Amino acid sequence: MAQYIRFSLSISSEAFLRHYQGVASVVVVQADDGRHIQIPANSFRPFVGQQGIEGRFELELDQNNKLINLERLPLI
């Protein structure tokens, strides 16, 4: 059974550069329900823009808490 976790994220392009430099391998986010979740930084590569990464996201995990999918939610 899949688990879905929603969170907001705002990371500047300078801060995310640490991932590319090999300094940061995970991004720690606070989910809407208060949990802190570690997500592999490379999972956010498709969402990096000139300003960095910003938006609402939904993380899908399998029963073993392995990443299935990460997607940016549309603005409402």
PDB file of N, CA and C in Angstrom:
ATOM      1  N   MET A   1       0.844  -1.184   0.000  1.00  0.00           N
ATOM      2  CA  MET A   1       0.000   0.000   0.000  1.00  0.00           C
ATOM      3  C   MET A   1       0.884   1.240   0.000  1.00  0.00           C
ATOM      4  N   ALA A   2       0.660   2.112  -0.949  1.00  0.00           N
ATOM      5  CA  ALA A   2       1.469   3.317  -1.081  1.00  0.00           C
ATOM      6  C   ALA A   2       1.080   4.332  -0.009  1.00  0.00           C
ATOM      7  N   GLN A   3       2.043   5.166   0.314  1.00  0.00           N
ATOM      8  CA  GLN A   3       1.865   6.238   1.286  1.00  0.00           C
ATOM      9  C   GLN A   3       2.164   7.554   0.559  1.00  0.00           C
ATOM     10  N   TYR A   4       1.332   8.554   0.769  1.00  0.00           N
ATOM     11  CA  TYR A   4       1.513   9.847   0.121  1.00  0.00           C
ATOM     12  C   TYR A   4       1.794  10.901   1.171  1.00  0.00           C
ATOM     13  N   ILE A   5       2.834  11.691   0.936  1.00  0.00           N
ATOM     14  CA  ILE A   5       3.238  12.725   1.883  1.00  0.00           C
ATOM     15  C   ILE A   5       3.350  14.039   1.125  1.00  0.00           C
ATOM     16  N   ARG A   6       2.695  15.071   1.641  1.00  0.00           N
ATOM     17  CA  ARG A   6       2.735  16.385   0.991  1.00  0.00           C
ATOM     18  C   ARG A   6       3.567  17.350   1.831  1.00  0.00           C
ATOM     19  N   PHE A   7       4.244  18.255   1.122  1.00  0.00           N
ATOM     20  CA  PHE A   7       5.075  19.245   1.800  1.00  0.00           C
ATOM     21  C   PHE A   7       5.330  20.422   0.865  1.00  0.00           C
ATOM     22  N   SER A   8       5.720  21.535   1.450  1.00  0.00           N
ATOM     23  CA  SER A   8       6.139  22.712   0.696  1.00  0.00           C
ATOM     24  C   SER A   8       7.650  22.792   0.776  1.00  0.00           C
ATOM     25  N   LEU A   9       8.251  23.355  -0.269  1.00  0.00           N
ATOM     26  CA  LEU A   9       9.708  23.443  -0.308  1.00  0.00           C
ATOM     27  C   LEU A   9      10.125  24.725  -1.008  1.00  0.00           C
ATOM     28  N   SER A  10      11.122  25.376  -0.442  1.00  0.00           N
ATOM     29  CA  SER A  10      11.714  26.557  -1.052  1.00  0.00           C
ATOM     30  C   SER A  10      13.213  26.502  -0.782  1.00  0.00           C
ATOM     31  N   ILE A  11      14.000  26.246  -1.824  1.00  0.00           N
ATOM     32  CA  ILE A  11      15.455  26.175  -1.726  1.00  0.00           C
ATOM     33  C   ILE A  11      16.040  27.059  -2.815  1.00  0.00           C
ATOM     34  N   SER A  12      16.926  27.952  -2.429  1.00  0.00           N
ATOM     35  CA  SER A  12      17.556  28.823  -3.423  1.00  0.00           C
ATOM     36  C   SER A  12      18.480  28.005  -4.321  1.00  0.00           C
ATOM     37  N   SER A  13      18.764  28.549  -5.483  1.00  0.00           N
ATOM     38  CA  SER A  13      19.676  27.848  -6.396  1.00  0.00           C
ATOM     39  C   SER A  13      21.064  27.731  -5.780  1.00  0.00           C
ATOM     40  N   GLU A  14      21.482  28.720  -4.985  1.00  0.00           N
ATOM     41  CA  GLU A  14      22.785  28.645  -4.328  1.00  0.00           C
ATOM     42  C   GLU A  14      22.830  27.509  -3.308  1.00  0.00           C
ATOM     43  N   ALA A  15      21.756  27.353  -2.559  1.00  0.00           N
ATOM     44  CA  ALA A  15      21.703  26.274  -1.569  1.00  0.00           C
ATOM     45  C   ALA A  15      21.695  24.909  -2.250  1.00  0.00           C
ATOM     46  N   PHE A  16      20.955  24.783  -3.347  1.00  0.00           N
ATOM     47  CA  PHE A  16      20.899  23.483  -4.027  1.00  0.00           C
ATOM     48  C   PHE A  16      22.207  23.160  -4.728  1.00  0.00           C
ATOM     49  N   LEU A  17      23.013  24.170  -4.998  1.00  0.00           N
ATOM     50  CA  LEU A  17      24.319  23.954  -5.622  1.00  0.00           C
ATOM     51  C   LEU A  17      25.187  23.015  -4.777  1.00  0.00           C
ATOM     52  N   ARG A  18      24.977  23.004  -3.460  1.00  0.00           N
ATOM     53  CA  ARG A  18      25.745  22.099  -2.587  1.00  0.00           C
ATOM     54  C   ARG A  18      25.550  20.645  -2.982  1.00  0.00           C
ATOM     55  N   HIS A  19      24.361  20.308  -3.493  1.00  0.00           N
ATOM     56  CA  HIS A  19      24.123  18.945  -3.969  1.00  0.00           C
ATOM     57  C   HIS A  19      25.052  18.635  -5.141  1.00  0.00           C
ATOM     58  N   TYR A  20      25.124  19.559  -6.084  1.00  0.00           N
ATOM     59  CA  TYR A  20      25.968  19.340  -7.261  1.00  0.00           C
ATOM     60  C   TYR A  20      27.448  19.290  -6.889  1.00  0.00           C
ATOM     61  N   GLN A  21      27.812  19.958  -5.812  1.00  0.00           N
ATOM     62  CA  GLN A  21      29.203  19.955  -5.356  1.00  0.00           C
ATOM     63  C   GLN A  21      29.520  18.722  -4.517  1.00  0.00           C
ATOM     64  N   GLY A  22      28.522  17.900  -4.254  1.00  0.00           N
ATOM     65  CA  GLY A  22      28.731  16.662  -3.495  1.00  0.00           C
ATOM     66  C   GLY A  22      28.660  16.838  -1.991  1.00  0.00           C
ATOM     67  N   VAL A  23      28.302  18.025  -1.516  1.00  0.00           N
ATOM     68  CA  VAL A  23      28.233  18.296  -0.080  1.00  0.00           C
ATOM     69  C   VAL A  23      26.943  17.760   0.528  1.00  0.00           C
ATOM     70  N   ALA A  24      25.833  17.901  -0.193  1.00  0.00           N
ATOM     71  CA  ALA A  24      24.529  17.479   0.325  1.00  0.00           C
ATOM     72  C   ALA A  24      23.970  16.360  -0.544  1.00  0.00           C
ATOM     73  N   SER A  25      23.623  15.247   0.079  1.00  0.00           N
ATOM     74  CA  SER A  25      23.055  14.137  -0.689  1.00  0.00           C
ATOM     75  C   SER A  25      21.563  13.961  -0.441  1.00  0.00           C
ATOM     76  N   VAL A  26      21.037  14.609   0.614  1.00  0.00           N
ATOM     77  CA  VAL A  26      19.612  14.526   0.911  1.00  0.00           C
ATOM     78  C   VAL A  26      19.051  15.917   1.177  1.00  0.00           C
ATOM     79  N   VAL A  27      17.748  16.039   0.981  1.00  0.00           N
ATOM     80  CA  VAL A  27      17.006  17.234   1.347  1.00  0.00           C
ATOM     81  C   VAL A  27      16.058  16.805   2.460  1.00  0.00           C
ATOM     82  N   VAL A  28      16.072  17.516   3.568  1.00  0.00           N
ATOM     83  CA  VAL A  28      15.175  17.207   4.683  1.00  0.00           C
ATOM     84  C   VAL A  28      14.018  18.193   4.630  1.00  0.00           C
ATOM     85  N   VAL A  29      12.801  17.660   4.587  1.00  0.00           N
ATOM     86  CA  VAL A  29      11.603  18.489   4.521  1.00  0.00           C
ATOM     87  C   VAL A  29      10.705  18.175   5.710  1.00  0.00           C
ATOM     88  N   GLN A  30       9.867  19.140   6.055  1.00  0.00           N
ATOM     89  CA  GLN A  30       8.845  18.889   7.063  1.00  0.00           C
ATOM     90  C   GLN A  30       7.526  18.699   6.347  1.00  0.00           C
ATOM     91  N   ALA A  31       6.962  17.522   6.502  1.00  0.00           N
ATOM     92  CA  ALA A  31       5.686  17.189   5.866  1.00  0.00           C
ATOM     93  C   ALA A  31       4.558  17.979   6.519  1.00  0.00           C
ATOM     94  N   ASP A  32       3.445  18.061   5.829  1.00  0.00           N
ATOM     95  CA  ASP A  32       2.280  18.761   6.355  1.00  0.00           C
ATOM     96  C   ASP A  32       1.840  18.202   7.704  1.00  0.00           C
ATOM     97  N   ASP A  33       2.084  16.919   7.940  1.00  0.00           N
ATOM     98  CA  ASP A  33       1.675  16.304   9.208  1.00  0.00           C
ATOM     99  C   ASP A  33       2.733  16.446  10.302  1.00  0.00           C
ATOM    100  N   GLY A  34       3.824  17.174  10.016  1.00  0.00           N
ATOM    101  CA  GLY A  34       4.844  17.450  11.026  1.00  0.00           C
ATOM    102  C   GLY A  34       6.059  16.545  10.989  1.00  0.00           C
ATOM    103  N   ARG A  35       5.982  15.429  10.272  1.00  0.00           N
ATOM    104  CA  ARG A  35       7.138  14.528  10.183  1.00  0.00           C
ATOM    105  C   ARG A  35       8.264  15.180   9.395  1.00  0.00           C
ATOM    106  N   HIS A  36       9.500  14.820   9.739  1.00  0.00           N
ATOM    107  CA  HIS A  36      10.662  15.234   8.968  1.00  0.00           C
ATOM    108  C   HIS A  36      11.074  14.059   8.087  1.00  0.00           C
ATOM    109  N   ILE A  37      11.192  14.329   6.793  1.00  0.00           N
ATOM    110  CA  ILE A  37      11.456  13.289   5.807  1.00  0.00           C
ATOM    111  C   ILE A  37      12.750  13.625   5.071  1.00  0.00           C
ATOM    112  N   GLN A  38      13.620  12.628   4.900  1.00  0.00           N
ATOM    113  CA  GLN A  38      14.835  12.784   4.103  1.00  0.00           C
ATOM    114  C   GLN A  38      14.565  12.236   2.710  1.00  0.00           C
ATOM    115  N   ILE A  39      14.841  13.076   1.710  1.00  0.00           N
ATOM    116  CA  ILE A  39      14.609  12.694   0.317  1.00  0.00           C
ATOM    117  C   ILE A  39      15.922  12.856  -0.438  1.00  0.00           C
ATOM    118  N   PRO A  40      16.310  11.883  -1.253  1.00  0.00           N
ATOM    119  CA  PRO A  40      17.541  12.036  -2.037  1.00  0.00           C
ATOM    120  C   PRO A  40      17.504  13.336  -2.846  1.00  0.00           C
ATOM    121  N   ALA A  41      18.554  14.122  -2.726  1.00  0.00           N
ATOM    122  CA  ALA A  41      18.594  15.425  -3.400  1.00  0.00           C
ATOM    123  C   ALA A  41      18.443  15.299  -4.909  1.00  0.00           C
ATOM    124  N   ASN A  42      18.989  14.233  -5.487  1.00  0.00           N
ATOM    125  CA  ASN A  42      18.898  14.092  -6.947  1.00  0.00           C
ATOM    126  C   ASN A  42      17.456  13.905  -7.425  1.00  0.00           C
ATOM    127  N   SER A  43      16.520  13.569  -6.532  1.00  0.00           N
ATOM    128  CA  SER A  43      15.110  13.445  -6.903  1.00  0.00           C
ATOM    129  C   SER A  43      14.507  14.791  -7.287  1.00  0.00           C
ATOM    130  N   PHE A  44      15.138  15.879  -6.836  1.00  0.00           N
ATOM    131  CA  PHE A  44      14.607  17.216  -7.103  1.00  0.00           C
ATOM    132  C   PHE A  44      15.184  17.843  -8.369  1.00  0.00           C
ATOM    133  N   ARG A  45      16.120  17.192  -9.030  1.00  0.00           N
ATOM    134  CA  ARG A  45      16.747  17.766 -10.229  1.00  0.00           C
ATOM    135  C   ARG A  45      15.753  18.232 -11.292  1.00  0.00           C
ATOM    136  N   PRO A  46      14.683  17.481 -11.568  1.00  0.00           N
ATOM    137  CA  PRO A  46      13.748  17.948 -12.604  1.00  0.00           C
ATOM    138  C   PRO A  46      13.025  19.250 -12.244  1.00  0.00           C
ATOM    139  N   PHE A  47      13.072  19.642 -10.964  1.00  0.00           N
ATOM    140  CA  PHE A  47      12.307  20.797 -10.502  1.00  0.00           C
ATOM    141  C   PHE A  47      13.167  22.034 -10.279  1.00  0.00           C
ATOM    142  N   VAL A  48      14.469  21.951 -10.559  1.00  0.00           N
ATOM    143  CA  VAL A  48      15.369  23.082 -10.318  1.00  0.00           C
ATOM    144  C   VAL A  48      15.232  24.095 -11.448  1.00  0.00           C
ATOM    145  N   GLY A  49      14.964  25.337 -11.065  1.00  0.00           N
ATOM    146  CA  GLY A  49      14.902  26.429 -12.025  1.00  0.00           C
ATOM    147  C   GLY A  49      15.964  27.461 -11.688  1.00  0.00           C
ATOM    148  N   GLN A  50      15.936  28.587 -12.349  1.00  0.00           N
ATOM    149  CA  GLN A  50      16.935  29.630 -12.102  1.00  0.00           C
ATOM    150  C   GLN A  50      16.884  30.143 -10.672  1.00  0.00           C
ATOM    151  N   GLN A  51      15.695  30.139 -10.079  1.00  0.00           N
ATOM    152  CA  GLN A  51      15.543  30.629  -8.708  1.00  0.00           C
ATOM    153  C   GLN A  51      15.737  29.522  -7.666  1.00  0.00           C
ATOM    154  N   GLY A  52      15.926  28.301  -8.106  1.00  0.00           N
ATOM    155  CA  GLY A  52      16.066  27.168  -7.192  1.00  0.00           C
ATOM    156  C   GLY A  52      14.874  26.244  -7.319  1.00  0.00           C
ATOM    157  N   ILE A  53      14.374  25.781  -6.181  1.00  0.00           N
ATOM    158  CA  ILE A  53      13.218  24.882  -6.154  1.00  0.00           C
ATOM    159  C   ILE A  53      12.176  25.500  -5.235  1.00  0.00           C
ATOM    160  N   GLU A  54      10.957  25.617  -5.731  1.00  0.00           N
ATOM    161  CA  GLU A  54       9.895  26.170  -4.913  1.00  0.00           C
ATOM    162  C   GLU A  54       8.568  25.561  -5.323  1.00  0.00           C
ATOM    163  N   GLY A  55       7.741  25.251  -4.327  1.00  0.00           N
ATOM    164  CA  GLY A  55       6.410  24.751  -4.629  1.00  0.00           C
ATOM    165  C   GLY A  55       5.908  23.760  -3.607  1.00  0.00           C
ATOM    166  N   ARG A  56       4.757  23.198  -3.951  1.00  0.00           N
ATOM    167  CA  ARG A  56       4.139  22.138  -3.150  1.00  0.00           C
ATOM    168  C   ARG A  56       4.427  20.825  -3.866  1.00  0.00           C
ATOM    169  N   PHE A  57       4.775  19.822  -3.089  1.00  0.00           N
ATOM    170  CA  PHE A  57       5.159  18.534  -3.652  1.00  0.00           C
ATOM    171  C   PHE A  57       4.399  17.408  -2.962  1.00  0.00           C
ATOM    172  N   GLU A  58       4.295  16.289  -3.689  1.00  0.00           N
ATOM    173  CA  GLU A  58       3.739  15.070  -3.120  1.00  0.00           C
ATOM    174  C   GLU A  58       4.728  13.941  -3.369  1.00  0.00           C
ATOM    175  N   LEU A  59       5.064  13.261  -2.299  1.00  0.00           N
ATOM    176  CA  LEU A  59       6.000  12.149  -2.311  1.00  0.00           C
ATOM    177  C   LEU A  59       5.199  10.864  -2.175  1.00  0.00           C
ATOM    178  N   GLU A  60       5.466   9.902  -3.035  1.00  0.00           N
ATOM    179  CA  GLU A  60       4.814   8.603  -2.946  1.00  0.00           C
ATOM    180  C   GLU A  60       5.855   7.573  -2.528  1.00  0.00           C
ATOM    181  N   LEU A  61       5.550   6.845  -1.449  1.00  0.00           N
ATOM    182  CA  LEU A  61       6.451   5.823  -0.916  1.00  0.00           C
ATOM    183  C   LEU A  61       5.761   4.464  -0.953  1.00  0.00           C
ATOM    184  N   ASP A  62       6.572   3.403  -1.118  1.00  0.00           N
ATOM    185  CA  ASP A  62       6.002   2.054  -1.048  1.00  0.00           C
ATOM    186  C   ASP A  62       5.902   1.615   0.411  1.00  0.00           C
ATOM    187  N   GLN A  63       5.491   0.387   0.642  1.00  0.00           N
ATOM    188  CA  GLN A  63       5.302  -0.127   2.004  1.00  0.00           C
ATOM    189  C   GLN A  63       6.608  -0.209   2.789  1.00  0.00           C
ATOM    190  N   ASN A  64       7.751  -0.162   2.092  1.00  0.00           N
ATOM    191  CA  ASN A  64       9.060  -0.184   2.750  1.00  0.00           C
ATOM    192  C   ASN A  64       9.678   1.217   2.831  1.00  0.00           C
ATOM    193  N   ASN A  65       8.852   2.233   2.625  1.00  0.00           N
ATOM    194  CA  ASN A  65       9.278   3.635   2.645  1.00  0.00           C
ATOM    195  C   ASN A  65      10.317   3.968   1.581  1.00  0.00           C
ATOM    196  N   LYS A  66      10.251   3.283   0.464  1.00  0.00           N
ATOM    197  CA  LYS A  66      11.127   3.570  -0.678  1.00  0.00           C
ATOM    198  C   LYS A  66      10.397   4.500  -1.634  1.00  0.00           C
ATOM    199  N   LEU A  67      11.134   5.439  -2.189  1.00  0.00           N
ATOM    200  CA  LEU A  67      10.569   6.427  -3.095  1.00  0.00           C
ATOM    201  C   LEU A  67      10.021   5.775  -4.361  1.00  0.00           C
ATOM    202  N   ILE A  68       8.754   6.035  -4.646  1.00  0.00           N
ATOM    203  CA  ILE A  68       8.129   5.591  -5.891  1.00  0.00           C
ATOM    204  C   ILE A  68       8.071   6.759  -6.856  1.00  0.00           C
ATOM    205  N   ASN A  69       7.611   7.918  -6.356  1.00  0.00           N
ATOM    206  CA  ASN A  69       7.411   9.066  -7.229  1.00  0.00           C
ATOM    207  C   ASN A  69       7.465  10.354  -6.415  1.00  0.00           C
ATOM    208  N   LEU A  70       7.949  11.415  -7.050  1.00  0.00           N
ATOM    209  CA  LEU A  70       7.931  12.749  -6.476  1.00  0.00           C
ATOM    210  C   LEU A  70       7.403  13.673  -7.551  1.00  0.00           C
ATOM    211  N   GLU A  71       6.369  14.428  -7.214  1.00  0.00           N
ATOM    212  CA  GLU A  71       5.835  15.350  -8.213  1.00  0.00           C
ATOM    213  C   GLU A  71       5.473  16.686  -7.569  1.00  0.00           C
ATOM    214  N   ARG A  72       5.612  17.735  -8.391  1.00  0.00           N
ATOM    215  CA  ARG A  72       5.186  19.070  -7.953  1.00  0.00           C
ATOM    216  C   ARG A  72       3.694  19.161  -8.190  1.00  0.00           C
ATOM    217  N   LEU A  73       2.987  19.663  -7.201  1.00  0.00           N
ATOM    218  CA  LEU A  73       1.543  19.817  -7.306  1.00  0.00           C
ATOM    219  C   LEU A  73       1.229  21.125  -8.031  1.00  0.00           C
ATOM    220  N   PRO A  74       0.153  21.129  -8.793  1.00  0.00           N
ATOM    221  CA  PRO A  74      -0.217  22.357  -9.504  1.00  0.00           C
ATOM    222  C   PRO A  74      -0.644  23.441  -8.508  1.00  0.00           C
ATOM    223  N   LEU A  75      -0.391  24.700  -8.881  1.00  0.00           N
ATOM    224  CA  LEU A  75      -0.842  25.821  -8.052  1.00  0.00           C
ATOM    225  C   LEU A  75      -2.348  25.923  -8.157  1.00  0.00           C
ATOM    226  N   ILE A  76      -2.964  26.252  -7.039  1.00  0.00           N
ATOM    227  CA  ILE A  76      -4.427  26.376  -7.017  1.00  0.00           C
ATOM    228  C   ILE A  76      -4.807  27.833  -6.945  1.00  0.00           C
TER     229      ILE A  76
END
